[in-house]
Amino acid sequence: MKRPPPIGREAPRGPSQRQLRAGELTRHALVEILREEEINDPELAGVSVTITEVRMSPDLRNATVFVEPLGGGDQAATVVKALNRHHKFLRGRLGHAIDMKFTPALKFLHDETFDEAARISRLFADPRVAQDLAPQAPADAWKDED
């Protein structure tokens, strides 16, 4: 039974320390599995995959794995589909690699943060935005006239 939060205090927002710790454990294990194991899929052949984050559900039974193929681009969707096709194989290997009560079910998603960071960089490089970011010299109107 879930205990209600103390009066005057809100329930914590975001993942718990337990979720974060289990997510990092799962991420490290998946990196090793993808590095060592050979998955027989032509869409994954020769593709390096970066696992950027693993978010665990509060009960630690489900894991959302955010991935970015090296080089990104248009192959991201096919790599994510291929990883989702092989989620049972990867979950089986993960069960041997981690020491948890339950091996989490895996769901792979493309990590959009790299695309968003590139978009923000392009915005900052725009000359119209750059002029607003440059320090302005004080105007003559602000000088004291004696």
Protein backbone atom coordinates (compact mmCIF):
# COMPACT_ATOMS: atom_id res chain seq x y z
CA MET A 1 0.00 0.00 0.00
CA LYS A 2 1.38 3.38 -0.98
CA ARG A 3 1.94 5.78 1.87
CA PRO A 4 0.49 9.29 1.35
CA PRO A 5 3.01 12.16 1.35
CA PRO A 6 3.33 14.11 4.61
CA ILE A 7 0.98 17.05 5.03
CA GLY A 8 2.37 20.23 3.55
CA ARG A 9 4.80 18.39 1.25
CA GLU A 10 4.21 17.43 -2.33
CA ALA A 11 5.08 14.06 -3.78
CA PRO A 12 8.51 14.10 -5.44
CA ARG A 13 8.57 14.87 -9.14
CA GLY A 14 10.68 12.89 -11.57
CA PRO A 15 12.35 9.52 -11.24
CA SER A 16 13.47 8.14 -7.90
CA GLN A 17 17.07 7.31 -7.08
CA ARG A 18 16.18 3.65 -7.47
CA GLN A 19 14.85 4.23 -11.00
CA LEU A 20 17.93 6.25 -11.95
CA ARG A 21 20.30 3.61 -10.57
CA ALA A 22 18.46 0.76 -12.32
CA GLY A 23 18.38 2.76 -15.57
CA GLU A 24 22.14 3.32 -15.51
CA LEU A 25 22.75 -0.34 -14.68
CA THR A 26 20.55 -1.35 -17.62
CA ARG A 27 22.21 1.17 -19.95
CA HIS A 28 25.71 -0.09 -19.17
CA ALA A 29 24.65 -3.71 -19.61
CA LEU A 30 22.94 -2.98 -22.95
CA VAL A 31 26.03 -1.17 -24.22
CA GLU A 32 28.11 -4.25 -23.46
CA ILE A 33 25.54 -6.56 -25.04
CA LEU A 34 25.38 -4.52 -28.25
CA ARG A 35 29.17 -4.30 -28.34
CA GLU A 36 29.79 -8.02 -27.83
CA GLU A 37 26.77 -9.79 -29.31
CA GLU A 38 26.18 -10.31 -33.00
CA ILE A 39 22.58 -9.60 -33.96
CA ASN A 40 21.74 -11.21 -37.29
CA ASP A 41 19.90 -8.35 -38.93
CA PRO A 42 21.03 -6.63 -42.13
CA GLU A 43 19.69 -3.30 -40.87
CA LEU A 44 21.97 -3.49 -37.81
CA ALA A 45 25.03 -4.83 -39.63
CA GLY A 46 27.91 -2.42 -39.33
CA VAL A 47 25.86 0.18 -37.44
CA SER A 48 27.18 1.62 -34.19
CA VAL A 49 24.43 2.54 -31.78
CA THR A 50 24.77 4.98 -28.89
CA ILE A 51 22.47 4.36 -25.94
CA THR A 52 21.99 7.81 -24.48
CA GLU A 53 19.50 7.11 -21.69
CA VAL A 54 17.36 4.39 -20.14
CA ARG A 55 14.22 5.48 -18.30
CA MET A 56 12.73 2.93 -15.95
CA SER A 57 9.10 2.71 -14.89
CA PRO A 58 8.45 3.09 -11.15
CA ASP A 59 8.03 -0.68 -10.75
CA LEU A 60 11.27 -1.31 -12.74
CA ARG A 61 9.49 -3.74 -15.08
CA ASN A 62 9.61 -1.55 -18.19
CA ALA A 63 12.55 0.32 -19.67
CA THR A 64 12.46 2.94 -22.41
CA VAL A 65 15.82 2.95 -24.15
CA PHE A 66 16.80 6.08 -26.07
CA VAL A 67 19.23 5.35 -28.90
CA GLU A 68 21.08 7.34 -31.54
CA PRO A 69 22.82 5.56 -34.43
CA LEU A 70 26.32 6.84 -35.06
CA GLY A 71 25.99 9.40 -37.80
CA GLY A 72 22.26 9.88 -37.08
CA GLY A 73 20.33 10.96 -40.12
CA ASP A 74 17.74 8.95 -41.96
CA GLN A 75 18.86 5.53 -40.72
CA ALA A 76 17.62 6.23 -37.19
CA ALA A 77 14.07 5.01 -37.87
CA THR A 78 15.25 1.73 -39.41
CA VAL A 79 17.71 1.08 -36.58
CA VAL A 80 15.04 1.71 -33.92
CA LYS A 81 12.61 -0.63 -35.72
CA ALA A 82 15.30 -3.32 -35.94
CA LEU A 83 16.15 -3.00 -32.24
CA ASN A 84 12.46 -3.22 -31.33
CA ARG A 85 12.19 -6.38 -33.46
CA HIS A 86 15.02 -7.95 -31.43
CA HIS A 87 13.85 -6.74 -28.02
CA LYS A 88 13.20 -10.29 -26.76
CA PHE A 89 16.73 -11.41 -27.66
CA LEU A 90 18.22 -8.34 -25.99
CA ARG A 91 16.03 -8.78 -22.92
CA GLY A 92 17.21 -12.39 -22.61
CA ARG A 93 20.86 -11.33 -22.72
CA LEU A 94 20.12 -8.48 -20.31
CA GLY A 95 18.67 -10.91 -17.78
CA HIS A 96 22.03 -12.68 -17.58
CA ALA A 97 23.98 -9.43 -17.35
CA ILE A 98 22.13 -7.63 -14.54
CA ASP A 99 21.16 -8.69 -11.05
CA MET A 100 17.60 -7.48 -10.64
CA LYS A 101 14.47 -9.23 -9.45
CA PHE A 102 12.77 -8.70 -12.83
CA THR A 103 14.35 -8.16 -16.21
CA PRO A 104 12.65 -5.08 -17.65
CA ALA A 105 10.77 -5.18 -20.94
CA LEU A 106 12.63 -3.05 -23.48
CA LYS A 107 11.19 -0.41 -25.76
CA PHE A 108 13.58 1.47 -28.05
CA LEU A 109 13.02 5.08 -29.12
CA HIS A 110 15.09 7.49 -31.17
CA ASP A 111 16.74 10.17 -29.03
CA GLU A 112 15.73 13.57 -30.41
CA THR A 113 18.06 15.61 -28.18
CA PHE A 114 20.91 15.60 -30.72
CA ASP A 115 18.63 16.93 -33.45
CA GLU A 116 17.27 19.57 -31.09
CA ALA A 117 20.80 20.63 -30.05
CA ALA A 118 21.78 20.99 -33.73
CA ARG A 119 18.67 23.09 -34.36
CA ILE A 120 19.50 25.39 -31.44
CA SER A 121 23.10 25.73 -32.68
CA ARG A 122 21.82 26.72 -36.12
CA LEU A 123 19.57 29.32 -34.50
CA PHE A 124 22.48 30.83 -32.54
CA ALA A 125 24.59 30.93 -35.71
CA ASP A 126 21.91 32.94 -37.56
CA PRO A 127 23.18 36.54 -38.04
CA ARG A 128 19.86 38.01 -36.88
CA VAL A 129 20.13 36.17 -33.58
CA ALA A 130 23.90 36.73 -33.24
CA GLN A 131 23.43 40.50 -33.33
CA ASP A 132 21.13 40.27 -30.31
CA LEU A 133 23.66 38.16 -28.41
CA ALA A 134 26.62 40.50 -29.01
CA PRO A 135 27.28 42.99 -26.21
CA GLN A 136 26.00 46.44 -27.03
CA ALA A 137 28.03 49.61 -26.52
CA PRO A 138 26.33 52.12 -24.23
CA ALA A 139 24.36 54.72 -26.13
CA ASP A 140 25.26 58.43 -25.99
CA ALA A 141 21.95 59.19 -24.28
CA TRP A 142 23.13 57.46 -21.13
CA LYS A 143 26.28 59.58 -20.71
CA ASP A 144 26.30 62.40 -18.14
CA GLU A 145 26.55 65.80 -19.68
CA ASP A 146 28.28 68.43 -17.51
